[in-house]
Amino acid sequence: MQRNQAHGFTLIELLVAIAIFAIIAAMAYGGLNGVIHQRDNTLAAMKQLRTMQLAMTIIGRDFSQLEPRTVRDGMQGPPQPAFAGGKQNIPQVIFTRGGWSNPLAEVRSTQQRVAYELDNGKLMRLSWPELDQGSQTEPLKQTLLDHVTDFSLRYMDANGQWQEQWPPLNSNANAFLSRLPLAVEIKVTIKDQGEFTRLIEAHRNDDGT
């Protein structure tokens, strides 16, 4: 009577099985790593989009509530225009806006002096606690966007023409102390994201223009 002999795996068969398992594991890991990488990219893009949306909301709120209120740099200083902007200006654009919320019912104006500037790749929003502040008054600075490569603005005058600065070149500075642009075009270019443009209808001047 013959007994059935149990046969095990040979060394070669074990090595082949291990190699196949390693290949499958590597493929599975590569696929999982790709999914995780894609998820991280998606989350980063969503975060950047939310940041851009918030920045544009703040910018739109500021420029849509322009006020023709001039200010003084100190109590004895000459009047400064309600709105001033230009590529070479520091800050690049500065203006008076209304609608400054006051949830704590503080004793202060609902108007606010606001400015925007590009500082080392950061789009900064500056605001002052008082309209007529001294030269030593420090503004509150808020970073709206990072990795900004360009920040430019254009201003529409009463004739519907776009100006690169405000008050426009060769204009009577005194006549423009309280005059506001009809609209402001804002362009922001962000590294690896491209250019974003926002056109904001601004305040109508007292003479209807």
C-alpha atoms as a PDB file:
ATOM      1  CA  MET A   1       0.000   0.000   0.000  1.00  0.00           C
ATOM      2  CA  GLN A   2       1.441   3.342  -1.150  1.00  0.00           C
ATOM      3  CA  ARG A   3       1.040   6.497   0.919  1.00  0.00           C
ATOM      4  CA  ASN A   4       0.294   9.853  -0.696  1.00  0.00           C
ATOM      5  CA  GLN A   5       3.253  12.126  -0.258  1.00  0.00           C
ATOM      6  CA  ALA A   6       2.585  15.845   0.474  1.00  0.00           C
ATOM      7  CA  HIS A   7       4.548  18.138  -1.784  1.00  0.00           C
ATOM      8  CA  GLY A   8       5.525  21.643  -0.538  1.00  0.00           C
ATOM      9  CA  PHE A   9       6.553  24.706  -2.540  1.00  0.00           C
ATOM     10  CA  THR A  10      10.009  24.790  -3.955  1.00  0.00           C
ATOM     11  CA  LEU A  11      12.325  27.683  -3.250  1.00  0.00           C
ATOM     12  CA  ILE A  12      11.903  28.955  -6.803  1.00  0.00           C
ATOM     13  CA  GLU A  13       8.120  28.928  -6.472  1.00  0.00           C
ATOM     14  CA  LEU A  14       8.345  30.887  -3.206  1.00  0.00           C
ATOM     15  CA  LEU A  15      10.657  33.451  -4.775  1.00  0.00           C
ATOM     16  CA  VAL A  16       8.315  33.873  -7.740  1.00  0.00           C
ATOM     17  CA  ALA A  17       5.313  34.282  -5.425  1.00  0.00           C
ATOM     18  CA  ILE A  18       7.144  36.865  -3.321  1.00  0.00           C
ATOM     19  CA  ALA A  19       8.204  38.776  -6.460  1.00  0.00           C
ATOM     20  CA  ILE A  20       4.621  38.850  -7.761  1.00  0.00           C
ATOM     21  CA  PHE A  21       3.334  40.035  -4.377  1.00  0.00           C
ATOM     22  CA  ALA A  22       5.998  42.777  -4.278  1.00  0.00           C
ATOM     23  CA  ILE A  23       5.016  43.975  -7.757  1.00  0.00           C
ATOM     24  CA  ILE A  24       1.334  44.085  -6.839  1.00  0.00           C
ATOM     25  CA  ALA A  25       2.096  45.903  -3.571  1.00  0.00           C
ATOM     26  CA  ALA A  26       4.270  48.447  -5.394  1.00  0.00           C
ATOM     27  CA  MET A  27       1.523  49.074  -7.945  1.00  0.00           C
ATOM     28  CA  ALA A  28      -1.073  49.462  -5.193  1.00  0.00           C
ATOM     29  CA  TYR A  29       1.169  51.863  -3.262  1.00  0.00           C
ATOM     30  CA  GLY A  30       1.870  53.896  -6.378  1.00  0.00           C
ATOM     31  CA  GLY A  31      -1.845  54.192  -7.096  1.00  0.00           C
ATOM     32  CA  LEU A  32      -2.624  55.148  -3.494  1.00  0.00           C
ATOM     33  CA  ASN A  33       0.209  57.677  -3.449  1.00  0.00           C
ATOM     34  CA  GLY A  34      -1.132  59.190  -6.655  1.00  0.00           C
ATOM     35  CA  VAL A  35      -4.617  59.476  -5.163  1.00  0.00           C
ATOM     36  CA  ILE A  36      -3.233  61.130  -2.009  1.00  0.00           C
ATOM     37  CA  HIS A  37      -1.135  63.533  -4.090  1.00  0.00           C
ATOM     38  CA  GLN A  38      -4.138  64.429  -6.236  1.00  0.00           C
ATOM     39  CA  ARG A  39      -6.235  64.958  -3.110  1.00  0.00           C
ATOM     40  CA  ASP A  40      -3.594  67.277  -1.629  1.00  0.00           C
ATOM     41  CA  ASN A  41      -3.457  69.254  -4.882  1.00  0.00           C
ATOM     42  CA  THR A  42      -7.241  69.546  -4.927  1.00  0.00           C
ATOM     43  CA  LEU A  43      -7.362  70.732  -1.306  1.00  0.00           C
ATOM     44  CA  ALA A  44      -4.598  73.275  -1.967  1.00  0.00           C
ATOM     45  CA  ALA A  45      -6.432  74.576  -5.043  1.00  0.00           C
ATOM     46  CA  MET A  46      -9.673  74.867  -3.066  1.00  0.00           C
ATOM     47  CA  LYS A  47      -7.873  76.764  -0.300  1.00  0.00           C
ATOM     48  CA  GLN A  48      -6.324  79.147  -2.834  1.00  0.00           C
ATOM     49  CA  LEU A  49      -9.727  79.680  -4.445  1.00  0.00           C
ATOM     50  CA  ARG A  50     -11.346  80.460  -1.094  1.00  0.00           C
ATOM     51  CA  THR A  51      -8.526  82.898  -0.287  1.00  0.00           C
ATOM     52  CA  MET A  52      -8.958  84.614  -3.660  1.00  0.00           C
ATOM     53  CA  GLN A  53     -12.745  84.802  -3.223  1.00  0.00           C
ATOM     54  CA  LEU A  54     -12.360  86.336   0.244  1.00  0.00           C
ATOM     55  CA  ALA A  55      -9.794  88.860  -1.017  1.00  0.00           C
ATOM     56  CA  MET A  56     -12.026  89.888  -3.923  1.00  0.00           C
ATOM     57  CA  THR A  57     -14.983  90.224  -1.577  1.00  0.00           C
ATOM     58  CA  ILE A  58     -13.009  92.594   0.667  1.00  0.00           C
ATOM     59  CA  ILE A  59     -11.699  94.563  -2.318  1.00  0.00           C
ATOM     60  CA  GLY A  60     -15.158  94.816  -3.867  1.00  0.00           C
ATOM     61  CA  ARG A  61     -16.666  95.985  -0.587  1.00  0.00           C
ATOM     62  CA  ASP A  62     -14.036  98.704  -0.203  1.00  0.00           C
ATOM     63  CA  PHE A  63     -14.143 100.104  -3.740  1.00  0.00           C
ATOM     64  CA  SER A  64     -17.923  99.972  -4.063  1.00  0.00           C
ATOM     65  CA  GLN A  65     -18.344 102.243  -1.022  1.00  0.00           C
ATOM     66  CA  LEU A  66     -16.065 105.135  -1.952  1.00  0.00           C
ATOM     67  CA  GLU A  67     -16.817 108.460  -0.301  1.00  0.00           C
ATOM     68  CA  PRO A  68     -15.748 111.953  -1.513  1.00  0.00           C
ATOM     69  CA  ARG A  69     -14.400 112.856   1.923  1.00  0.00           C
ATOM     70  CA  THR A  70     -10.974 114.529   1.851  1.00  0.00           C
ATOM     71  CA  VAL A  71      -8.543 114.103   4.738  1.00  0.00           C
ATOM     72  CA  ARG A  72      -5.674 115.973   6.340  1.00  0.00           C
ATOM     73  CA  ASP A  73      -2.255 114.662   7.256  1.00  0.00           C
ATOM     74  CA  GLY A  74      -2.339 116.193  10.708  1.00  0.00           C
ATOM     75  CA  MET A  75      -4.662 118.966  11.858  1.00  0.00           C
ATOM     76  CA  GLN A  76      -2.673 121.737  10.104  1.00  0.00           C
ATOM     77  CA  GLY A  77      -1.686 119.845   6.970  1.00  0.00           C
ATOM     78  CA  PRO A  78      -3.089 120.541   3.497  1.00  0.00           C
ATOM     79  CA  PRO A  79      -6.156 118.572   2.378  1.00  0.00           C
ATOM     80  CA  GLN A  80      -5.457 115.234   0.722  1.00  0.00           C
ATOM     81  CA  PRO A  81      -7.702 113.913  -2.075  1.00  0.00           C
ATOM     82  CA  ALA A  82     -10.507 111.566  -1.178  1.00  0.00           C
ATOM     83  CA  PHE A  83      -9.099 109.123  -3.736  1.00  0.00           C
ATOM     84  CA  ALA A  84      -5.553 108.868  -5.082  1.00  0.00           C
ATOM     85  CA  GLY A  85      -3.973 106.098  -7.093  1.00  0.00           C
ATOM     86  CA  GLY A  86      -1.009 105.451  -9.349  1.00  0.00           C
ATOM     87  CA  LYS A  87       1.521 102.753 -10.149  1.00  0.00           C
ATOM     88  CA  GLN A  88       4.341 104.768  -8.599  1.00  0.00           C
ATOM     89  CA  ASN A  89       2.360 105.901  -5.558  1.00  0.00           C
ATOM     90  CA  ILE A  90       3.170 104.584  -2.084  1.00  0.00           C
ATOM     91  CA  PRO A  91       0.760 103.124  -1.202  1.00  0.00           C
ATOM     92  CA  GLN A  92      -0.450 102.374  -4.705  1.00  0.00           C
ATOM     93  CA  VAL A  93      -4.031 103.466  -4.011  1.00  0.00           C
ATOM     94  CA  ILE A  94      -5.583 105.211  -1.003  1.00  0.00           C
ATOM     95  CA  PHE A  95      -9.141 106.408  -0.474  1.00  0.00           C
ATOM     96  CA  THR A  96     -11.996 107.082   1.922  1.00  0.00           C
ATOM     97  CA  ARG A  97     -14.744 104.483   2.114  1.00  0.00           C
ATOM     98  CA  GLY A  98     -18.045 104.436   3.947  1.00  0.00           C
ATOM     99  CA  GLY A  99     -20.022 101.651   5.519  1.00  0.00           C
ATOM    100  CA  TRP A 100     -17.388 100.802   8.131  1.00  0.00           C
ATOM    101  CA  SER A 101     -19.322  98.470  10.392  1.00  0.00           C
ATOM    102  CA  ASN A 102     -19.456  99.306  14.096  1.00  0.00           C
ATOM    103  CA  PRO A 103     -20.839  96.244  15.914  1.00  0.00           C
ATOM    104  CA  LEU A 104     -19.565  97.446  19.324  1.00  0.00           C
ATOM    105  CA  ALA A 105     -21.187 100.884  18.913  1.00  0.00           C
ATOM    106  CA  GLU A 106     -17.886 102.678  19.442  1.00  0.00           C
ATOM    107  CA  VAL A 107     -17.732 106.468  19.256  1.00  0.00           C
ATOM    108  CA  ARG A 108     -16.179 106.777  15.799  1.00  0.00           C
ATOM    109  CA  SER A 109     -16.996 107.545  12.193  1.00  0.00           C
ATOM    110  CA  THR A 110     -18.492 104.981   9.836  1.00  0.00           C
ATOM    111  CA  GLN A 111     -16.016 106.226   7.226  1.00  0.00           C
ATOM    112  CA  GLN A 112     -12.528 104.778   7.025  1.00  0.00           C
ATOM    113  CA  ARG A 113      -9.250 105.547   5.281  1.00  0.00           C
ATOM    114  CA  VAL A 114      -8.070 102.492   3.341  1.00  0.00           C
ATOM    115  CA  ALA A 115      -5.102 101.744   1.094  1.00  0.00           C
ATOM    116  CA  TYR A 116      -3.729  98.858  -0.956  1.00  0.00           C
ATOM    117  CA  GLU A 117      -0.118  98.080  -1.818  1.00  0.00           C
ATOM    118  CA  LEU A 118       2.049  95.253  -3.108  1.00  0.00           C
ATOM    119  CA  ASP A 119       4.813  94.432  -0.624  1.00  0.00           C
ATOM    120  CA  ASN A 120       7.303  91.650  -1.433  1.00  0.00           C
ATOM    121  CA  GLY A 121       4.745  89.538  -3.257  1.00  0.00           C
ATOM    122  CA  LYS A 122       1.976  90.175  -0.723  1.00  0.00           C
ATOM    123  CA  LEU A 123      -1.145  92.174  -1.494  1.00  0.00           C
ATOM    124  CA  MET A 124      -1.671  94.254   1.639  1.00  0.00           C
ATOM    125  CA  ARG A 125      -4.757  96.122   2.838  1.00  0.00           C
ATOM    126  CA  LEU A 126      -3.999  99.077   5.110  1.00  0.00           C
ATOM    127  CA  SER A 127      -6.564 100.895   7.244  1.00  0.00           C
ATOM    128  CA  TRP A 128      -6.308 103.769   9.709  1.00  0.00           C
ATOM    129  CA  PRO A 129      -8.297 104.255  12.930  1.00  0.00           C
ATOM    130  CA  GLU A 130      -8.956 107.920  12.086  1.00  0.00           C
ATOM    131  CA  LEU A 131      -9.559 109.803   8.858  1.00  0.00           C
ATOM    132  CA  ASP A 132      -7.406 112.830   9.745  1.00  0.00           C
ATOM    133  CA  GLN A 133      -4.350 111.150  11.206  1.00  0.00           C
ATOM    134  CA  GLY A 134      -0.920 112.423  11.991  1.00  0.00           C
ATOM    135  CA  SER A 135       2.125 111.333  10.039  1.00  0.00           C
ATOM    136  CA  GLN A 136       3.148 108.993  12.872  1.00  0.00           C
ATOM    137  CA  THR A 137      -0.133 107.100  12.939  1.00  0.00           C
ATOM    138  CA  GLU A 138       0.507 103.478  12.011  1.00  0.00           C
ATOM    139  CA  PRO A 139      -2.073 101.657   9.893  1.00  0.00           C
ATOM    140  CA  LEU A 140      -3.500  98.240  10.549  1.00  0.00           C
ATOM    141  CA  LYS A 141      -2.018  95.887   7.939  1.00  0.00           C
ATOM    142  CA  GLN A 142      -3.766  92.802   6.601  1.00  0.00           C
ATOM    143  CA  THR A 143      -2.300  90.334   4.090  1.00  0.00           C
ATOM    144  CA  LEU A 144      -4.970  89.428   1.536  1.00  0.00           C
ATOM    145  CA  LEU A 145      -2.967  87.368  -0.973  1.00  0.00           C
ATOM    146  CA  ASP A 146       0.476  85.786  -1.242  1.00  0.00           C
ATOM    147  CA  HIS A 147       2.688  85.107  -4.287  1.00  0.00           C
ATOM    148  CA  VAL A 148       1.336  88.150  -6.146  1.00  0.00           C
ATOM    149  CA  THR A 149       3.547  89.083  -9.104  1.00  0.00           C
ATOM    150  CA  ASP A 150       1.558  92.121 -10.281  1.00  0.00           C
ATOM    151  CA  PHE A 151      -1.138  94.426  -8.938  1.00  0.00           C
ATOM    152  CA  SER A 152      -2.498  97.120 -11.254  1.00  0.00           C
ATOM    153  CA  LEU A 153      -5.494  99.443 -11.348  1.00  0.00           C
ATOM    154  CA  ARG A 154      -7.200 101.712 -13.867  1.00  0.00           C
ATOM    155  CA  TYR A 155      -9.714 104.450 -13.164  1.00  0.00           C
ATOM    156  CA  MET A 156     -12.636 105.596 -15.340  1.00  0.00           C
ATOM    157  CA  ASP A 157     -13.151 109.339 -15.570  1.00  0.00           C
ATOM    158  CA  ALA A 158     -16.350 111.309 -16.212  1.00  0.00           C
ATOM    159  CA  ASN A 159     -15.896 110.909 -19.981  1.00  0.00           C
ATOM    160  CA  GLY A 160     -15.727 107.135 -19.759  1.00  0.00           C
ATOM    161  CA  GLN A 161     -11.986 107.119 -20.458  1.00  0.00           C
ATOM    162  CA  TRP A 162      -9.596 104.888 -18.532  1.00  0.00           C
ATOM    163  CA  GLN A 163      -6.801 106.620 -16.626  1.00  0.00           C
ATOM    164  CA  GLU A 164      -3.642 104.992 -15.266  1.00  0.00           C
ATOM    165  CA  GLN A 165      -3.591 107.284 -12.252  1.00  0.00           C
ATOM    166  CA  TRP A 166      -6.004 109.378 -10.191  1.00  0.00           C
ATOM    167  CA  PRO A 167      -6.290 112.340 -10.236  1.00  0.00           C
ATOM    168  CA  PRO A 168      -5.588 112.062 -13.994  1.00  0.00           C
ATOM    169  CA  LEU A 169      -2.403 113.538 -15.435  1.00  0.00           C
ATOM    170  CA  ASN A 170      -2.531 117.265 -16.248  1.00  0.00           C
ATOM    171  CA  SER A 171      -5.747 117.707 -14.266  1.00  0.00           C
ATOM    172  CA  ASN A 172      -6.495 120.445 -11.761  1.00  0.00           C
ATOM    173  CA  ALA A 173      -5.543 118.839  -8.439  1.00  0.00           C
ATOM    174  CA  ASN A 174      -7.844 121.103  -6.439  1.00  0.00           C
ATOM    175  CA  ALA A 175     -10.796 120.237  -8.672  1.00  0.00           C
ATOM    176  CA  PHE A 176     -10.185 116.548  -8.010  1.00  0.00           C
ATOM    177  CA  LEU A 177      -9.816 116.700  -4.234  1.00  0.00           C
ATOM    178  CA  SER A 178     -13.262 115.198  -3.698  1.00  0.00           C
ATOM    179  CA  ARG A 179     -13.871 113.740  -7.160  1.00  0.00           C
ATOM    180  CA  LEU A 180     -14.045 109.969  -7.486  1.00  0.00           C
ATOM    181  CA  PRO A 181     -13.613 107.659 -10.474  1.00  0.00           C
ATOM    182  CA  LEU A 182     -16.786 106.211 -11.939  1.00  0.00           C
ATOM    183  CA  ALA A 183     -15.303 102.718 -11.943  1.00  0.00           C
ATOM    184  CA  VAL A 184     -12.121 100.928 -10.952  1.00  0.00           C
ATOM    185  CA  GLU A 185     -10.556  98.010 -12.827  1.00  0.00           C
ATOM    186  CA  ILE A 186      -8.364  95.815 -10.635  1.00  0.00           C
ATOM    187  CA  LYS A 187      -5.970  93.179 -11.966  1.00  0.00           C
ATOM    188  CA  VAL A 188      -4.125  90.750  -9.723  1.00  0.00           C
ATOM    189  CA  THR A 189      -1.603  88.249 -11.097  1.00  0.00           C
ATOM    190  CA  ILE A 190      -0.677  85.316  -8.863  1.00  0.00           C
ATOM    191  CA  LYS A 191       2.205  82.943  -9.479  1.00  0.00           C
ATOM    192  CA  ASP A 192       1.083  79.628 -11.022  1.00  0.00           C
ATOM    193  CA  GLN A 193      -2.542  80.807 -11.037  1.00  0.00           C
ATOM    194  CA  GLY A 194      -2.662  83.535 -13.652  1.00  0.00           C
ATOM    195  CA  GLU A 195      -4.422  86.891 -13.825  1.00  0.00           C
ATOM    196  CA  PHE A 196      -7.682  87.812 -12.105  1.00  0.00           C
ATOM    197  CA  THR A 197      -9.642  90.924 -13.115  1.00  0.00           C
ATOM    198  CA  ARG A 198     -12.407  92.693 -11.219  1.00  0.00           C
ATOM    199  CA  LEU A 199     -14.386  95.690 -12.511  1.00  0.00           C
ATOM    200  CA  ILE A 200     -16.121  97.639  -9.762  1.00  0.00           C
ATOM    201  CA  GLU A 201     -18.606 100.446 -10.281  1.00  0.00           C
ATOM    202  CA  ALA A 202     -17.621 103.139  -7.823  1.00  0.00           C
ATOM    203  CA  HIS A 203     -19.371 106.138  -6.290  1.00  0.00           C
ATOM    204  CA  ARG A 204     -21.302 108.713  -8.344  1.00  0.00           C
ATOM    205  CA  ASN A 205     -20.077 112.256  -7.742  1.00  0.00           C
ATOM    206  CA  ASP A 206     -22.333 114.945  -6.348  1.00  0.00           C
ATOM    207  CA  ASP A 207     -22.776 116.555  -9.779  1.00  0.00           C
ATOM    208  CA  GLY A 208     -24.211 113.288 -11.152  1.00  0.00           C
ATOM    209  CA  THR A 209     -21.118 112.147 -13.024  1.00  0.00           C
END
